[in-house]
Protein backbone atom coordinates (compact mmCIF):
# COMPACT_ATOMS: atom_id res chain seq x y z
CA MET A 1 7.35 32.62 -41.32
CA SER A 2 8.07 34.87 -38.98
CA ARG A 3 10.34 34.25 -35.54
CA ARG A 4 7.26 34.31 -33.13
CA ALA A 5 5.62 31.73 -34.95
CA LEU A 6 8.88 29.86 -34.94
CA ARG A 7 9.37 30.73 -31.45
CA ARG A 8 5.90 29.06 -30.82
CA GLN A 9 6.18 25.80 -33.17
CA THR A 10 9.70 24.95 -31.06
CA GLN A 11 8.06 25.00 -27.42
CA ALA A 12 7.09 21.94 -26.28
CA PRO A 13 3.73 23.08 -24.07
CA THR A 14 4.37 22.11 -20.24
CA PRO A 15 1.79 19.61 -18.85
CA PHE A 16 1.08 21.36 -15.66
CA ALA A 17 1.98 25.02 -16.50
CA GLY A 18 0.61 27.43 -14.15
CA ARG A 19 -0.87 24.87 -11.65
CA SER A 20 0.86 23.29 -8.47
CA LEU A 21 0.70 19.88 -7.41
CA THR A 22 -0.62 20.78 -3.93
CA PRO A 23 -4.44 19.75 -4.52
CA TYR A 24 -2.86 15.92 -5.19
CA ALA A 25 -0.79 16.02 -1.71
CA GLY A 26 -3.57 15.26 0.14
CA ALA A 27 -5.09 12.70 -1.55
CA VAL A 28 -1.38 11.16 -2.31
CA ALA A 29 -1.29 11.30 1.66
CA ALA A 30 -3.96 9.60 1.96
CA VAL A 31 -3.38 6.55 -0.63
CA VAL A 32 0.07 6.26 1.80
CA VAL A 33 -2.18 6.04 4.95
CA VAL A 34 -4.63 3.34 3.21
CA GLY A 35 -2.08 1.16 2.27
CA VAL A 36 0.14 1.17 5.46
CA VAL A 37 -3.04 0.89 7.27
CA LEU A 38 -3.74 -2.31 5.13
CA THR A 39 -0.60 -3.64 5.72
CA ALA A 40 -0.10 -3.32 9.03
CA LEU A 41 -3.77 -5.56 8.67
CA LEU A 42 -2.42 -7.79 6.70
CA ALA A 43 0.73 -8.93 8.74
CA ALA A 44 -2.18 -8.97 12.15
CA VAL A 45 -4.02 -11.50 10.17
CA ALA A 46 -1.04 -13.55 9.53
CA ILE A 47 0.35 -13.21 13.27
CA THR A 48 -2.98 -14.48 14.23
CA ALA A 49 -3.02 -17.24 11.98
CA VAL A 50 0.64 -18.59 13.10
CA SER A 51 -0.49 -18.20 16.23
CA VAL A 52 -3.83 -20.07 15.87
CA ALA A 53 -2.07 -22.94 14.46
CA ILE A 54 0.91 -23.23 16.46
CA ALA A 55 -2.47 -23.66 19.56
CA ALA A 56 -3.82 -26.22 17.13
CA VAL A 57 -0.95 -28.21 17.19
CA VAL A 58 -0.13 -28.21 20.53
CA LEU A 59 -3.82 -28.41 21.79
CA ARG A 60 -3.95 -31.96 19.55
CA SER A 61 -0.46 -32.54 20.79
CA LEU A 62 -2.02 -32.75 24.10
CA LEU A 63 -5.07 -34.45 23.45
CA ASN A 64 -3.13 -37.08 21.57
CA GLY A 65 -1.01 -37.76 24.77
CA ALA A 66 -3.93 -37.97 27.13
CA ASN A 67 -5.62 -40.67 24.99
CA ARG A 68 -2.42 -43.08 24.75
CA ARG A 69 -2.56 -43.16 28.44
């Protein structure tokens, strides 16, 4: 075998030879933004649920106290 043939066999192919990852930056940013928005919405729903549960307990307590009198 010639030297050139040996050099071709020993070089590992690069997966992104000549291409940059710049086109994927927009997609990655969009995924991150959607993840942050969904996490914020989930937190808002959880806080609302806790607030409603506390209001229900207080209202139930007030109604039970009014019925006993």
